[in-house]
PDB file of N, CA and C in Angstrom:
ATOM      1  N   UNK A   1       3.549  -0.872  13.857  1.00  0.00           N
ATOM      2  CA  UNK A   1       4.376   0.164  13.306  1.00  0.00           C
ATOM      3  C   UNK A   1       5.143   0.868  14.120  1.00  0.00           C
ATOM      4  N   UNK A   2       5.961   1.099  14.430  1.00  0.00           N
ATOM      5  CA  UNK A   2       7.132   1.877  15.209  1.00  0.00           C
ATOM      6  C   UNK A   2       7.352   2.941  14.663  1.00  0.00           C
ATOM      7  N   UNK A   3       7.170   4.130  15.352  1.00  0.00           N
ATOM      8  CA  UNK A   3       6.925   5.775  15.127  1.00  0.00           C
ATOM      9  C   UNK A   3       8.847   5.906  14.958  1.00  0.00           C
ATOM     10  N   UNK A   4       9.474   6.563  14.346  1.00  0.00           N
ATOM     11  CA  UNK A   4      10.759   6.851  14.301  1.00  0.00           C
ATOM     12  C   UNK A   4      10.571   8.855  14.861  1.00  0.00           C
ATOM     13  N   UNK A   5      12.129   9.797  14.934  1.00  0.00           N
ATOM     14  CA  UNK A   5      11.747  10.747  15.308  1.00  0.00           C
ATOM     15  C   UNK A   5      11.436  11.529  14.145  1.00  0.00           C
ATOM     16  N   UNK A   6      11.102  11.235  12.531  1.00  0.00           N
ATOM     17  CA  UNK A   6      10.587  11.873  11.753  1.00  0.00           C
ATOM     18  C   UNK A   6       9.113  11.129  11.423  1.00  0.00           C
ATOM     19  N   UNK A   7       8.088  12.192  11.740  1.00  0.00           N
ATOM     20  CA  UNK A   7       6.696  11.578  12.030  1.00  0.00           C
ATOM     21  C   UNK A   7       6.116  10.996  10.853  1.00  0.00           C
ATOM     22  N   UNK A   8       7.054  11.138   9.658  1.00  0.00           N
ATOM     23  CA  UNK A   8       6.509  10.548   8.142  1.00  0.00           C
ATOM     24  C   UNK A   8       7.422   9.319   8.064  1.00  0.00           C
ATOM     25  N   UNK A   9       8.222   8.444   8.912  1.00  0.00           N
ATOM     26  CA  UNK A   9       8.914   7.577   8.945  1.00  0.00           C
ATOM     27  C   UNK A   9       8.631   6.946  10.307  1.00  0.00           C
ATOM     28  N   UNK A  10       7.885   5.039   9.555  1.00  0.00           N
ATOM     29  CA  UNK A  10       7.971   4.264  10.975  1.00  0.00           C
ATOM     30  C   UNK A  10       8.482   3.033   9.996  1.00  0.00           C
ATOM     31  N   UNK A  11       8.605   2.467  10.964  1.00  0.00           N
ATOM     32  CA  UNK A  11       9.354   1.000  10.772  1.00  0.00           C
ATOM     33  C   UNK A  11       8.118   0.018  11.054  1.00  0.00           C
ATOM     34  N   UNK A  12       8.570  -0.886  10.342  1.00  0.00           N
ATOM     35  CA  UNK A  12       7.460  -1.999  10.560  1.00  0.00           C
ATOM     36  C   UNK A  12       7.900  -3.533  10.459  1.00  0.00           C
ATOM     37  N   UNK A  13       6.918  -4.479  11.007  1.00  0.00           N
ATOM     38  CA  UNK A  13       7.480  -5.854  11.421  1.00  0.00           C
ATOM     39  C   UNK A  13       7.494  -6.353   9.671  1.00  0.00           C
ATOM     40  N   UNK A  14       8.336  -7.510   9.625  1.00  0.00           N
ATOM     41  CA  UNK A  14       8.375  -7.968   8.203  1.00  0.00           C
ATOM     42  C   UNK A  14       7.104  -9.105   8.507  1.00  0.00           C
ATOM     43  N   UNK A  15       6.053  -9.491   7.292  1.00  0.00           N
ATOM     44  CA  UNK A  15       5.047 -10.210   7.311  1.00  0.00           C
ATOM     45  C   UNK A  15       5.524 -11.445   6.480  1.00  0.00           C
ATOM     46  N   UNK A  16       4.510 -12.165   6.977  1.00  0.00           N
ATOM     47  CA  UNK A  16       4.801 -13.861   6.156  1.00  0.00           C
ATOM     48  C   UNK A  16       3.940 -13.593   4.973  1.00  0.00           C
ATOM     49  N   UNK A  17       4.797 -14.196   3.709  1.00  0.00           N
ATOM     50  CA  UNK A  17       4.126 -14.341   2.323  1.00  0.00           C
ATOM     51  C   UNK A  17       3.910 -15.472   1.634  1.00  0.00           C
ATOM     52  N   UNK A  18       2.842 -15.454   1.548  1.00  0.00           N
ATOM     53  CA  UNK A  18       2.840 -16.910   0.196  1.00  0.00           C
ATOM     54  C   UNK A  18       2.817 -16.669  -0.453  1.00  0.00           C
ATOM     55  N   UNK A  19       3.966 -17.351  -1.023  1.00  0.00           N
ATOM     56  CA  UNK A  19       4.729 -16.974  -2.856  1.00  0.00           C
ATOM     57  C   UNK A  19       3.812 -17.078  -3.497  1.00  0.00           C
ATOM     58  N   UNK A  20       3.001 -18.143  -3.860  1.00  0.00           N
ATOM     59  CA  UNK A  20       1.778 -18.456  -4.745  1.00  0.00           C
ATOM     60  C   UNK A  20       0.745 -16.634  -4.448  1.00  0.00           C
ATOM     61  N   UNK A  21       0.413 -16.896  -3.479  1.00  0.00           N
ATOM     62  CA  UNK A  21      -0.299 -15.517  -3.360  1.00  0.00           C
ATOM     63  C   UNK A  21       0.305 -14.430  -4.055  1.00  0.00           C
ATOM     64  N   UNK A  22       1.416 -14.282  -3.628  1.00  0.00           N
ATOM     65  CA  UNK A  22       2.083 -12.655  -3.669  1.00  0.00           C
ATOM     66  C   UNK A  22       2.112 -12.923  -5.407  1.00  0.00           C
ATOM     67  N   UNK A  23       2.745 -14.019  -5.898  1.00  0.00           N
ATOM     68  CA  UNK A  23       2.711 -14.090  -7.149  1.00  0.00           C
ATOM     69  C   UNK A  23       1.364 -13.351  -8.130  1.00  0.00           C
ATOM     70  N   UNK A  24       0.657 -14.130  -7.300  1.00  0.00           N
ATOM     71  CA  UNK A  24      -1.103 -14.036  -8.186  1.00  0.00           C
ATOM     72  C   UNK A  24      -1.057 -12.684  -8.238  1.00  0.00           C
ATOM     73  N   UNK A  25      -1.154 -12.073  -7.253  1.00  0.00           N
ATOM     74  CA  UNK A  25      -1.561 -10.857  -6.747  1.00  0.00           C
ATOM     75  C   UNK A  25      -0.616  -9.703  -7.196  1.00  0.00           C
ATOM     76  N   UNK A  26       0.711  -9.617  -7.494  1.00  0.00           N
ATOM     77  CA  UNK A  26       1.077  -9.192  -8.451  1.00  0.00           C
ATOM     78  C   UNK A  26       1.312  -8.871  -9.835  1.00  0.00           C
ATOM     79  N   UNK A  27       0.662 -10.342 -10.378  1.00  0.00           N
ATOM     80  CA  UNK A  27      -0.069 -10.183 -11.916  1.00  0.00           C
ATOM     81  C   UNK A  27      -1.254  -9.592 -11.803  1.00  0.00           C
ATOM     82  N   UNK A  28      -2.250  -9.408 -11.037  1.00  0.00           N
ATOM     83  CA  UNK A  28      -3.428  -8.531 -10.696  1.00  0.00           C
ATOM     84  C   UNK A  28      -2.828  -7.157 -10.967  1.00  0.00           C
ATOM     85  N   UNK A  29      -1.853  -6.961  -9.815  1.00  0.00           N
ATOM     86  CA  UNK A  29      -1.680  -5.281  -9.940  1.00  0.00           C
ATOM     87  C   UNK A  29      -0.913  -4.708 -11.601  1.00  0.00           C
ATOM     88  N   UNK A  30       0.182  -5.947 -11.905  1.00  0.00           N
ATOM     89  CA  UNK A  30       0.696  -5.953 -12.875  1.00  0.00           C
ATOM     90  C   UNK A  30      -0.462  -5.490 -13.973  1.00  0.00           C
ATOM     91  N   UNK A  31      -1.137  -6.350 -14.304  1.00  0.00           N
ATOM     92  CA  UNK A  31      -2.508  -6.071 -15.427  1.00  0.00           C
ATOM     93  C   UNK A  31      -3.190  -5.230 -15.495  1.00  0.00           C
ATOM     94  N   UNK A  32      -3.444  -4.768 -14.027  1.00  0.00           N
ATOM     95  CA  UNK A  32      -4.333  -3.140 -13.665  1.00  0.00           C
ATOM     96  C   UNK A  32      -3.340  -1.513 -14.122  1.00  0.00           C
ATOM     97  N   UNK A  33      -1.851  -1.996 -13.550  1.00  0.00           N
ATOM     98  CA  UNK A  33      -1.187  -0.868 -14.400  1.00  0.00           C
ATOM     99  C   UNK A  33      -1.064  -1.026 -15.688  1.00  0.00           C
ATOM    100  N   UNK A  34      -0.949  -1.827 -16.683  1.00  0.00           N
ATOM    101  CA  UNK A  34      -1.053  -1.667 -17.763  1.00  0.00           C
ATOM    102  C   UNK A  34      -2.118  -1.531 -18.564  1.00  0.00           C
ATOM    103  N   UNK A  35      -3.247  -1.551 -18.278  1.00  0.00           N
ATOM    104  CA  UNK A  35      -4.743  -1.212 -18.683  1.00  0.00           C
ATOM    105  C   UNK A  35      -4.868   0.355 -17.852  1.00  0.00           C
ATOM    106  N   UNK A  36      -4.191   0.831 -17.000  1.00  0.00           N
ATOM    107  CA  UNK A  36      -4.340   1.845 -16.748  1.00  0.00           C
ATOM    108  C   UNK A  36      -5.393   2.129 -15.699  1.00  0.00           C
ATOM    109  N   UNK A  37      -5.684   1.138 -14.964  1.00  0.00           N
ATOM    110  CA  UNK A  37      -7.073   0.752 -14.112  1.00  0.00           C
ATOM    111  C   UNK A  37      -6.602   1.238 -12.775  1.00  0.00           C
ATOM    112  N   UNK A  38      -6.781   2.803 -12.198  1.00  0.00           N
ATOM    113  CA  UNK A  38      -6.177   2.632 -10.998  1.00  0.00           C
ATOM    114  C   UNK A  38      -7.440   2.060 -10.105  1.00  0.00           C
ATOM    115  N   UNK A  39      -8.468   1.781 -10.338  1.00  0.00           N
ATOM    116  CA  UNK A  39      -9.147   1.516  -9.033  1.00  0.00           C
ATOM    117  C   UNK A  39      -9.029   0.244  -9.033  1.00  0.00           C
ATOM    118  N   UNK A  40      -8.589  -0.756  -9.508  1.00  0.00           N
ATOM    119  CA  UNK A  40      -8.226  -2.601  -9.392  1.00  0.00           C
ATOM    120  C   UNK A  40      -6.707  -2.131  -9.098  1.00  0.00           C
ATOM    121  N   UNK A  41      -5.967  -1.126  -9.627  1.00  0.00           N
ATOM    122  CA  UNK A  41      -4.509  -1.173  -9.294  1.00  0.00           C
ATOM    123  C   UNK A  41      -4.334  -1.132  -7.497  1.00  0.00           C
ATOM    124  N   UNK A  42      -5.464   0.421  -6.990  1.00  0.00           N
ATOM    125  CA  UNK A  42      -5.464   0.285  -5.640  1.00  0.00           C
ATOM    126  C   UNK A  42      -5.803  -0.832  -4.905  1.00  0.00           C
ATOM    127  N   UNK A  43      -6.870  -1.272  -5.104  1.00  0.00           N
ATOM    128  CA  UNK A  43      -7.356  -2.249  -4.746  1.00  0.00           C
ATOM    129  C   UNK A  43      -6.521  -3.846  -4.235  1.00  0.00           C
ATOM    130  N   UNK A  44      -5.624  -3.686  -5.612  1.00  0.00           N
ATOM    131  CA  UNK A  44      -4.764  -5.079  -5.615  1.00  0.00           C
ATOM    132  C   UNK A  44      -3.889  -4.735  -4.583  1.00  0.00           C
ATOM    133  N   UNK A  45      -3.373  -3.157  -4.296  1.00  0.00           N
ATOM    134  CA  UNK A  45      -2.413  -2.669  -3.628  1.00  0.00           C
ATOM    135  C   UNK A  45      -2.317  -3.264  -1.987  1.00  0.00           C
ATOM    136  N   UNK A  46      -3.569  -2.620  -1.970  1.00  0.00           N
ATOM    137  CA  UNK A  46      -4.523  -2.992  -0.681  1.00  0.00           C
ATOM    138  C   UNK A  46      -4.149  -4.434   0.132  1.00  0.00           C
ATOM    139  N   UNK A  47      -4.917  -4.684  -1.187  1.00  0.00           N
ATOM    140  CA  UNK A  47      -4.676  -6.627  -0.793  1.00  0.00           C
ATOM    141  C   UNK A  47      -3.556  -7.320  -0.645  1.00  0.00           C
ATOM    142  N   UNK A  48      -2.461  -6.997  -1.461  1.00  0.00           N
ATOM    143  CA  UNK A  48      -0.984  -7.054  -1.048  1.00  0.00           C
ATOM    144  C   UNK A  48      -0.556  -6.734   0.339  1.00  0.00           C
ATOM    145  N   UNK A  49      -0.656  -5.516   0.758  1.00  0.00           N
ATOM    146  CA  UNK A  49      -0.178  -4.497   1.686  1.00  0.00           C
ATOM    147  C   UNK A  49      -1.304  -3.853   2.496  1.00  0.00           C
ATOM    148  N   UNK A  50      -2.295  -4.159   3.259  1.00  0.00           N
ATOM    149  CA  UNK A  50      -3.164  -3.226   4.390  1.00  0.00           C
ATOM    150  C   UNK A  50      -2.545  -2.472   4.818  1.00  0.00           C
ATOM    151  N   UNK A  51      -1.656  -1.684   4.793  1.00  0.00           N
ATOM    152  CA  UNK A  51      -1.351  -0.638   5.327  1.00  0.00           C
ATOM    153  C   UNK A  51      -1.422   0.286   4.459  1.00  0.00           C
ATOM    154  N   UNK A  52      -1.501  -0.023   2.948  1.00  0.00           N
ATOM    155  CA  UNK A  52      -1.211   1.169   1.908  1.00  0.00           C
ATOM    156  C   UNK A  52      -1.886   2.470   1.750  1.00  0.00           C
ATOM    157  N   UNK A  53      -1.721   3.388   1.780  1.00  0.00           N
ATOM    158  CA  UNK A  53      -2.365   4.260   1.926  1.00  0.00           C
ATOM    159  C   UNK A  53      -1.975   5.518   1.161  1.00  0.00           C
ATOM    160  N   UNK A  54      -2.997   5.722  -0.427  1.00  0.00           N
ATOM    161  CA  UNK A  54      -2.776   7.005  -1.326  1.00  0.00           C
ATOM    162  C   UNK A  54      -1.770   7.825  -0.328  1.00  0.00           C
ATOM    163  N   UNK A  55      -1.032   8.428  -1.180  1.00  0.00           N
ATOM    164  CA  UNK A  55      -0.597   9.666  -0.916  1.00  0.00           C
ATOM    165  C   UNK A  55      -1.525  10.704  -0.908  1.00  0.00           C
ATOM    166  N   UNK A  56      -2.669  10.885  -1.091  1.00  0.00           N
ATOM    167  CA  UNK A  56      -3.965  11.664  -1.213  1.00  0.00           C
ATOM    168  C   UNK A  56      -4.771  11.539   0.194  1.00  0.00           C
ATOM    169  N   UNK A  57      -4.860  10.244   0.550  1.00  0.00           N
ATOM    170  CA  UNK A  57      -4.981  10.249   1.818  1.00  0.00           C
ATOM    171  C   UNK A  57      -4.690  10.216   2.914  1.00  0.00           C
ATOM    172  N   UNK A  58      -3.083   9.963   2.839  1.00  0.00           N
ATOM    173  CA  UNK A  58      -2.251  10.515   3.767  1.00  0.00           C
ATOM    174  C   UNK A  58      -1.896  12.025   4.141  1.00  0.00           C
ATOM    175  N   UNK A  59      -2.504  12.721   2.572  1.00  0.00           N
ATOM    176  CA  UNK A  59      -1.858  14.150   3.137  1.00  0.00           C
ATOM    177  C   UNK A  59      -3.184  14.876   3.304  1.00  0.00           C
ATOM    178  N   UNK A  60      -4.369  14.335   3.282  1.00  0.00           N
ATOM    179  CA  UNK A  60      -5.737  14.865   4.276  1.00  0.00           C
ATOM    180  C   UNK A  60      -5.444  14.565   5.745  1.00  0.00           C
ATOM    181  N   UNK A  61      -5.079  13.301   5.906  1.00  0.00           N
ATOM    182  CA  UNK A  61      -5.026  13.353   7.010  1.00  0.00           C
ATOM    183  C   UNK A  61      -3.880  14.039   7.976  1.00  0.00           C
ATOM    184  N   UNK A  62      -2.388  14.314   7.400  1.00  0.00           N
ATOM    185  CA  UNK A  62      -1.895  15.253   7.968  1.00  0.00           C
ATOM    186  C   UNK A  62      -2.571  16.704   8.060  1.00  0.00           C
ATOM    187  N   UNK A  63      -3.112  16.980   6.820  1.00  0.00           N
ATOM    188  CA  UNK A  63      -3.414  18.636   6.927  1.00  0.00           C
ATOM    189  C   UNK A  63      -4.353  18.588   7.821  1.00  0.00           C
ATOM    190  N   UNK A  64      -5.612  17.104   8.093  1.00  0.00           N
ATOM    191  CA  UNK A  64      -6.136  17.345   9.561  1.00  0.00           C
ATOM    192  C   UNK A  64      -6.004  17.776  10.425  1.00  0.00           C
ATOM    193  N   UNK A  65      -4.328  16.678  10.965  1.00  0.00           N
ATOM    194  CA  UNK A  65      -3.756  17.091  12.161  1.00  0.00           C
ATOM    195  C   UNK A  65      -2.986  18.357  12.617  1.00  0.00           C
ATOM    196  N   UNK A  66      -2.599  19.512  11.634  1.00  0.00           N
ATOM    197  CA  UNK A  66      -1.895  20.123  11.810  1.00  0.00           C
ATOM    198  C   UNK A  66      -2.748  21.767  12.128  1.00  0.00           C
TER     199      UNK A  66
END
């Protein structure tokens, strides 16, 4: 991740995506959303995008550094 002049904005590198795996992960995320299952949805997001951070986790880090 590359920093920008805005401390909340970063530039990331494009990652290689396996279409079949991505489609399967996306279905898992969709199904979790349909069932309103936040735990599984967050797990699916982390699997699809390892750098994903919840707003709560991000905000707690930012507030600790203020």
